[in-house]
């Protein structure tokens, strides 16, 4: 019994340690791939360009607001912007233009913009 060969036990023990190490490495690689994927999806789902396009259309509307109001076309143009956003971007959009107020010596329109596409909600109040 004193001369028992123990090399086989060491081989089995080292094989077990290598297998556990490979398992943990595979688990870590799998988790990092998932985190990278969800981060990329979050970036892709944020409609930054859609919001920029909406702001540009609303600011064009506000720039011509006085002329549109005097000719009675203000509601038509506003309804068109809302309908186009819903049709092309699948986003519920609403905006409101209030009468001019004086801010820092300039007369500006307060504008409220609301955007919601089911994933992203964006609210803004700006003076233009």
N, C-alpha and C. Protein backbone atom coordinates (compact mmCIF):
# COMPACT_ATOMS: atom_id res chain seq x y z
N UNK A 1 0.81 -1.18 0.00
CA UNK A 1 0.00 0.00 0.00
C UNK A 1 0.86 1.25 0.00
N UNK A 2 2.06 1.14 0.53
CA UNK A 2 2.90 2.32 0.64
C UNK A 2 3.41 2.75 -0.72
N UNK A 3 3.51 1.89 -1.68
CA UNK A 3 4.06 2.25 -2.99
C UNK A 3 2.95 2.44 -4.02
N UNK A 4 1.87 3.00 -3.67
CA UNK A 4 0.76 3.20 -4.57
C UNK A 4 1.08 4.33 -5.56
N UNK A 5 0.71 4.17 -6.81
CA UNK A 5 0.97 5.17 -7.84
C UNK A 5 -0.15 6.22 -7.81
N UNK A 6 0.21 7.49 -7.52
CA UNK A 6 -0.79 8.56 -7.40
C UNK A 6 -0.80 9.48 -8.61
N UNK A 7 -0.07 9.19 -9.66
CA UNK A 7 -0.02 10.07 -10.83
C UNK A 7 -1.38 10.14 -11.54
N UNK A 8 -2.12 9.11 -11.55
CA UNK A 8 -3.44 9.10 -12.18
C UNK A 8 -4.41 10.05 -11.50
N UNK A 9 -4.30 10.17 -10.18
CA UNK A 9 -5.19 11.08 -9.44
C UNK A 9 -4.87 12.53 -9.80
N UNK A 10 -3.59 12.87 -9.95
CA UNK A 10 -3.19 14.23 -10.31
C UNK A 10 -3.68 14.57 -11.72
N UNK A 11 -3.62 13.62 -12.61
CA UNK A 11 -4.08 13.86 -13.99
C UNK A 11 -5.58 14.13 -14.00
N UNK A 12 -6.34 13.35 -13.27
CA UNK A 12 -7.78 13.55 -13.20
C UNK A 12 -8.10 14.89 -12.54
N UNK A 13 -7.38 15.24 -11.46
CA UNK A 13 -7.61 16.51 -10.76
C UNK A 13 -7.29 17.69 -11.67
N UNK A 14 -6.19 17.65 -12.40
CA UNK A 14 -5.83 18.74 -13.31
C UNK A 14 -6.84 18.83 -14.46
N UNK A 15 -7.32 17.71 -14.95
CA UNK A 15 -8.35 17.73 -16.00
C UNK A 15 -9.62 18.38 -15.51
N UNK A 16 -9.99 18.10 -14.25
CA UNK A 16 -11.18 18.72 -13.67
C UNK A 16 -11.00 20.23 -13.53
N UNK A 17 -9.83 20.69 -13.08
CA UNK A 17 -9.57 22.12 -12.94
C UNK A 17 -9.59 22.82 -14.30
N UNK A 18 -9.03 22.20 -15.33
CA UNK A 18 -9.03 22.79 -16.68
C UNK A 18 -10.48 22.88 -17.20
N UNK A 19 -11.27 21.84 -16.96
CA UNK A 19 -12.67 21.85 -17.42
C UNK A 19 -13.47 22.96 -16.74
N UNK A 20 -13.27 23.14 -15.43
CA UNK A 20 -13.97 24.20 -14.71
C UNK A 20 -13.51 25.57 -15.21
N UNK A 21 -12.22 25.73 -15.47
CA UNK A 21 -11.70 26.99 -16.00
C UNK A 21 -12.28 27.31 -17.37
N UNK A 22 -12.36 26.32 -18.24
CA UNK A 22 -12.95 26.55 -19.57
C UNK A 22 -14.42 26.90 -19.44
N UNK A 23 -15.13 26.28 -18.51
CA UNK A 23 -16.54 26.59 -18.29
C UNK A 23 -16.72 28.05 -17.88
N UNK A 24 -15.90 28.53 -16.93
CA UNK A 24 -16.02 29.93 -16.49
C UNK A 24 -15.64 30.90 -17.60
N UNK A 25 -14.62 30.58 -18.39
CA UNK A 25 -14.27 31.46 -19.51
C UNK A 25 -15.40 31.53 -20.53
N UNK A 26 -16.02 30.40 -20.83
CA UNK A 26 -17.14 30.39 -21.77
C UNK A 26 -18.30 31.22 -21.23
N UNK A 27 -18.56 31.13 -19.94
CA UNK A 27 -19.63 31.90 -19.32
C UNK A 27 -19.34 33.40 -19.40
N UNK A 28 -18.12 33.80 -19.13
CA UNK A 28 -17.74 35.21 -19.19
C UNK A 28 -17.85 35.74 -20.62
N UNK A 29 -17.38 34.97 -21.60
CA UNK A 29 -17.46 35.41 -23.00
C UNK A 29 -18.92 35.54 -23.43
N UNK A 30 -19.74 34.60 -23.01
CA UNK A 30 -21.16 34.66 -23.36
C UNK A 30 -21.81 35.91 -22.77
N UNK A 31 -21.54 36.24 -21.52
CA UNK A 31 -22.13 37.41 -20.88
C UNK A 31 -21.64 38.70 -21.53
N UNK A 32 -20.37 38.77 -21.90
CA UNK A 32 -19.87 39.99 -22.53
C UNK A 32 -20.51 40.19 -23.89
N UNK A 33 -20.79 39.12 -24.60
CA UNK A 33 -21.46 39.25 -25.89
C UNK A 33 -22.88 39.78 -25.70
N UNK A 34 -23.57 39.30 -24.66
CA UNK A 34 -24.92 39.78 -24.40
C UNK A 34 -24.94 41.25 -24.01
N UNK A 35 -24.01 41.65 -23.17
CA UNK A 35 -23.96 43.06 -22.74
C UNK A 35 -23.66 43.95 -23.93
N UNK A 36 -22.75 43.55 -24.78
CA UNK A 36 -22.44 44.34 -25.97
C UNK A 36 -23.63 44.44 -26.90
N UNK A 37 -24.37 43.37 -27.04
CA UNK A 37 -25.52 43.38 -27.92
C UNK A 37 -26.61 44.29 -27.39
N UNK A 38 -26.94 44.21 -26.11
CA UNK A 38 -28.01 45.05 -25.57
C UNK A 38 -27.61 46.52 -25.57
N UNK A 39 -26.33 46.81 -25.37
CA UNK A 39 -25.87 48.19 -25.45
C UNK A 39 -26.03 48.73 -26.86
N UNK A 40 -25.64 47.94 -27.84
CA UNK A 40 -25.79 48.37 -29.23
C UNK A 40 -27.25 48.54 -29.60
N UNK A 41 -28.12 47.67 -29.11
CA UNK A 41 -29.55 47.81 -29.40
C UNK A 41 -30.10 49.08 -28.79
N UNK A 42 -29.66 49.42 -27.59
CA UNK A 42 -30.11 50.64 -26.96
C UNK A 42 -29.72 51.88 -27.74
N UNK A 43 -28.52 51.86 -28.29
CA UNK A 43 -28.06 52.99 -29.10
C UNK A 43 -28.85 53.06 -30.40
N UNK A 44 -29.10 51.93 -31.02
CA UNK A 44 -29.83 51.92 -32.28
C UNK A 44 -31.29 52.30 -32.10
N UNK A 45 -31.89 51.99 -30.96
CA UNK A 45 -33.29 52.29 -30.75
C UNK A 45 -33.55 53.75 -30.43
N UNK A 46 -32.54 54.51 -30.01
CA UNK A 46 -32.77 55.92 -29.69
C UNK A 46 -32.86 56.71 -31.00
N UNK A 47 -33.99 57.34 -31.25
CA UNK A 47 -34.23 57.99 -32.54
C UNK A 47 -33.70 59.42 -32.60
N UNK A 48 -32.40 59.57 -32.46
CA UNK A 48 -31.81 60.91 -32.43
C UNK A 48 -32.09 61.67 -33.73
N UNK A 49 -31.90 61.02 -34.86
CA UNK A 49 -32.13 61.71 -36.13
C UNK A 49 -33.60 62.03 -36.35
N UNK A 50 -34.49 61.16 -35.89
CA UNK A 50 -35.92 61.43 -36.01
C UNK A 50 -36.30 62.67 -35.20
N UNK A 51 -35.74 62.79 -34.01
CA UNK A 51 -36.04 63.95 -33.17
C UNK A 51 -35.44 65.22 -33.78
N UNK A 52 -34.25 65.11 -34.34
CA UNK A 52 -33.66 66.28 -35.02
C UNK A 52 -34.50 66.72 -36.21
N UNK A 53 -34.98 65.76 -37.00
CA UNK A 53 -35.83 66.09 -38.13
C UNK A 53 -37.13 66.75 -37.67
N UNK A 54 -37.71 66.24 -36.60
CA UNK A 54 -38.93 66.83 -36.06
C UNK A 54 -38.67 68.26 -35.59
N UNK A 55 -37.59 68.46 -34.87
CA UNK A 55 -37.28 69.81 -34.38
C UNK A 55 -37.09 70.78 -35.55
N UNK A 56 -36.42 70.33 -36.60
CA UNK A 56 -36.20 71.18 -37.76
C UNK A 56 -37.54 71.56 -38.41
N UNK A 57 -38.45 70.60 -38.56
CA UNK A 57 -39.76 70.88 -39.15
C UNK A 57 -40.56 71.83 -38.27
N UNK A 58 -40.51 71.63 -36.96
CA UNK A 58 -41.25 72.51 -36.05
C UNK A 58 -40.66 73.92 -36.07
N UNK A 59 -39.33 74.03 -36.12
CA UNK A 59 -38.72 75.36 -36.15
C UNK A 59 -39.01 76.07 -37.47
N UNK A 60 -39.09 75.33 -38.57
CA UNK A 60 -39.51 75.95 -39.84
C UNK A 60 -40.94 76.46 -39.73
N UNK A 61 -41.79 75.67 -39.08
CA UNK A 61 -43.18 76.07 -38.86
C UNK A 61 -43.24 77.34 -38.01
N UNK A 62 -42.45 77.39 -36.94
CA UNK A 62 -42.47 78.56 -36.05
C UNK A 62 -41.93 79.79 -36.77
N UNK A 63 -40.91 79.59 -37.59
CA UNK A 63 -40.34 80.71 -38.33
C UNK A 63 -41.39 81.36 -39.23
N UNK A 64 -42.26 80.56 -39.84
CA UNK A 64 -43.30 81.08 -40.73
C UNK A 64 -44.66 81.18 -40.03
N UNK A 65 -44.67 81.10 -38.71
CA UNK A 65 -45.92 81.03 -37.95
C UNK A 65 -46.80 82.25 -38.18
N UNK A 66 -46.22 83.44 -38.17
CA UNK A 66 -47.02 84.67 -38.33
C UNK A 66 -47.71 84.68 -39.69
N UNK A 67 -47.00 84.31 -40.75
CA UNK A 67 -47.61 84.28 -42.09
C UNK A 67 -48.69 83.21 -42.18
N UNK A 68 -48.39 82.02 -41.63
CA UNK A 68 -49.38 80.94 -41.66
C UNK A 68 -50.64 81.32 -40.88
N UNK A 69 -50.44 81.97 -39.75
CA UNK A 69 -51.57 82.38 -38.92
C UNK A 69 -52.43 83.42 -39.64
N UNK A 70 -51.80 84.36 -40.32
CA UNK A 70 -52.55 85.41 -41.00
C UNK A 70 -53.34 84.87 -42.19
N UNK A 71 -52.85 83.81 -42.82
CA UNK A 71 -53.55 83.22 -43.96
C UNK A 71 -54.45 82.05 -43.56
N UNK A 72 -54.42 81.64 -42.30
CA UNK A 72 -55.28 80.57 -41.82
C UNK A 72 -54.78 79.16 -42.10
N UNK A 73 -53.50 79.01 -42.40
CA UNK A 73 -52.94 77.70 -42.72
C UNK A 73 -52.21 77.05 -41.56
N UNK A 74 -52.20 77.70 -40.40
CA UNK A 74 -51.37 77.19 -39.29
C UNK A 74 -51.80 75.80 -38.84
N UNK A 75 -53.10 75.55 -38.72
CA UNK A 75 -53.57 74.23 -38.28
C UNK A 75 -53.31 73.15 -39.33
N UNK A 76 -53.41 73.53 -40.62
CA UNK A 76 -53.17 72.55 -41.69
C UNK A 76 -51.73 72.07 -41.68
N UNK A 77 -50.79 72.99 -41.56
CA UNK A 77 -49.37 72.63 -41.56
C UNK A 77 -49.04 71.81 -40.32
N UNK A 78 -49.58 72.21 -39.17
CA UNK A 78 -49.35 71.46 -37.93
C UNK A 78 -49.89 70.04 -38.05
N UNK A 79 -51.09 69.90 -38.58
CA UNK A 79 -51.66 68.56 -38.77
C UNK A 79 -50.84 67.72 -39.74
N UNK A 80 -50.27 68.36 -40.76
CA UNK A 80 -49.43 67.63 -41.72
C UNK A 80 -48.16 67.11 -41.04
N UNK A 81 -47.53 67.92 -40.22
CA UNK A 81 -46.32 67.48 -39.52
C UNK A 81 -46.63 66.31 -38.60
N UNK A 82 -47.73 66.39 -37.89
CA UNK A 82 -48.13 65.31 -36.98
C UNK A 82 -48.44 64.03 -37.76
N UNK A 83 -49.17 64.16 -38.87
CA UNK A 83 -49.54 62.99 -39.67
C UNK A 83 -48.32 62.34 -40.32
N UNK A 84 -47.39 63.14 -40.82
CA UNK A 84 -46.18 62.60 -41.47
C UNK A 84 -45.32 61.88 -40.44
N UNK A 85 -45.20 62.41 -39.24
CA UNK A 85 -44.41 61.75 -38.20
C UNK A 85 -45.02 60.40 -37.84
N UNK A 86 -46.33 60.34 -37.77
CA UNK A 86 -46.99 59.08 -37.44
C UNK A 86 -46.85 58.07 -38.58
N UNK A 87 -46.99 58.54 -39.81
CA UNK A 87 -46.93 57.64 -40.96
C UNK A 87 -45.51 57.14 -41.24
N UNK A 88 -44.54 58.03 -41.25
CA UNK A 88 -43.18 57.65 -41.65
C UNK A 88 -42.33 57.12 -40.51
N UNK A 89 -42.50 57.66 -39.33
CA UNK A 89 -41.63 57.31 -38.20
C UNK A 89 -42.33 56.49 -37.12
N UNK A 90 -43.62 56.26 -37.27
CA UNK A 90 -44.42 55.55 -36.26
C UNK A 90 -44.28 56.20 -34.89
N UNK A 91 -44.32 57.51 -34.87
CA UNK A 91 -44.15 58.26 -33.63
C UNK A 91 -45.33 59.20 -33.44
N UNK A 92 -45.84 59.23 -32.21
CA UNK A 92 -46.90 60.17 -31.86
C UNK A 92 -46.23 61.48 -31.48
N UNK A 93 -46.56 62.51 -32.23
CA UNK A 93 -45.92 63.81 -32.07
C UNK A 93 -46.99 64.85 -31.78
N UNK A 94 -46.66 65.77 -30.90
CA UNK A 94 -47.52 66.90 -30.64
C UNK A 94 -46.63 68.09 -30.30
N UNK A 95 -47.02 69.26 -30.78
CA UNK A 95 -46.26 70.46 -30.42
C UNK A 95 -47.23 71.63 -30.33
N UNK A 96 -46.83 72.60 -29.53
CA UNK A 96 -47.66 73.77 -29.28
C UNK A 96 -46.79 75.02 -29.36
N UNK A 97 -47.28 76.02 -30.07
CA UNK A 97 -46.58 77.29 -30.20
C UNK A 97 -47.41 78.35 -29.49
N UNK A 98 -46.81 78.99 -28.50
CA UNK A 98 -47.50 80.04 -27.75
C UNK A 98 -47.13 81.40 -28.32
N UNK A 99 -47.92 82.44 -28.00
CA UNK A 99 -47.59 83.79 -28.48
C UNK A 99 -46.22 84.25 -27.97
N UNK A 100 -45.65 85.19 -28.68
CA UNK A 100 -44.30 85.67 -28.35
C UNK A 100 -44.25 86.28 -26.96
N UNK A 101 -43.12 86.03 -26.30
CA UNK A 101 -42.82 86.66 -25.02
C UNK A 101 -41.43 87.27 -25.11
N UNK A 102 -41.17 88.25 -24.25
CA UNK A 102 -39.86 88.90 -24.29
C UNK A 102 -38.90 88.15 -23.38
N UNK A 103 -37.79 87.74 -23.98
CA UNK A 103 -36.73 87.05 -23.23
C UNK A 103 -35.41 87.69 -23.62
N UNK A 104 -34.75 88.27 -22.63
CA UNK A 104 -33.46 88.93 -22.83
C UNK A 104 -33.49 89.95 -23.95
N UNK A 105 -34.56 90.71 -24.01
CA UNK A 105 -34.67 91.77 -25.00
C UNK A 105 -35.12 91.30 -26.38
N UNK A 106 -35.44 90.02 -26.52
CA UNK A 106 -35.90 89.49 -27.82
C UNK A 106 -37.28 88.90 -27.65
N UNK A 107 -38.10 89.01 -28.67
CA UNK A 107 -39.43 88.42 -28.66
C UNK A 107 -39.37 87.04 -29.30
N UNK A 108 -39.62 86.01 -28.50
CA UNK A 108 -39.51 84.63 -28.97
C UNK A 108 -40.79 83.87 -28.65
N UNK A 109 -41.08 82.87 -29.49
CA UNK A 109 -42.23 81.99 -29.26
C UNK A 109 -41.82 80.85 -28.34
N UNK A 110 -42.54 80.60 -27.24
CA UNK A 110 -42.32 79.37 -26.47
C UNK A 110 -42.90 78.19 -27.26
N UNK A 111 -42.10 77.15 -27.43
CA UNK A 111 -42.52 75.99 -28.22
C UNK A 111 -42.36 74.75 -27.34
N UNK A 112 -43.44 73.96 -27.25
CA UNK A 112 -43.38 72.67 -26.54
C UNK A 112 -43.46 71.56 -27.57
N UNK A 113 -42.49 70.65 -27.53
CA UNK A 113 -42.44 69.53 -28.47
C UNK A 113 -42.53 68.24 -27.66
N UNK A 114 -43.43 67.36 -28.07
CA UNK A 114 -43.58 66.05 -27.43
C UNK A 114 -43.46 64.97 -28.50
N UNK A 115 -42.63 63.97 -28.19
CA UNK A 115 -42.35 62.87 -29.13
C UNK A 115 -42.43 61.56 -28.35
N UNK A 116 -43.12 60.57 -28.91
CA UNK A 116 -43.20 59.26 -28.28
C UNK A 116 -43.37 58.22 -29.37
N UNK A 117 -42.40 57.29 -29.46
CA UNK A 117 -42.50 56.23 -30.45
C UNK A 117 -42.75 54.86 -29.80
N UNK A 118 -43.12 54.84 -28.54
CA UNK A 118 -43.37 53.59 -27.84
C UNK A 118 -42.17 53.10 -27.06
N UNK A 119 -40.98 53.50 -27.46
CA UNK A 119 -39.75 53.14 -26.76
C UNK A 119 -39.14 54.37 -26.12
N UNK A 120 -39.10 55.44 -26.88
CA UNK A 120 -38.46 56.68 -26.42
C UNK A 120 -39.51 57.76 -26.26
N UNK A 121 -39.45 58.44 -25.12
CA UNK A 121 -40.32 59.58 -24.87
C UNK A 121 -39.42 60.81 -24.74
N UNK A 122 -39.77 61.86 -25.48
CA UNK A 122 -38.95 63.06 -25.50
C UNK A 122 -39.87 64.27 -25.36
N UNK A 123 -39.61 65.10 -24.37
CA UNK A 123 -40.35 66.35 -24.15
C UNK A 123 -39.37 67.50 -24.11
N UNK A 124 -39.72 68.60 -24.76
CA UNK A 124 -38.81 69.75 -24.79
C UNK A 124 -39.64 71.02 -24.79
N UNK A 125 -39.13 72.01 -24.09
CA UNK A 125 -39.70 73.37 -24.14
C UNK A 125 -38.55 74.29 -24.51
N UNK A 126 -38.72 74.96 -25.62
CA UNK A 126 -37.66 75.82 -26.16
C UNK A 126 -38.28 77.13 -26.62
N UNK A 127 -37.47 78.17 -26.63
CA UNK A 127 -37.91 79.48 -27.11
C UNK A 127 -37.26 79.71 -28.47
N UNK A 128 -38.10 79.94 -29.48
CA UNK A 128 -37.56 80.13 -30.83
C UNK A 128 -38.19 81.35 -31.45
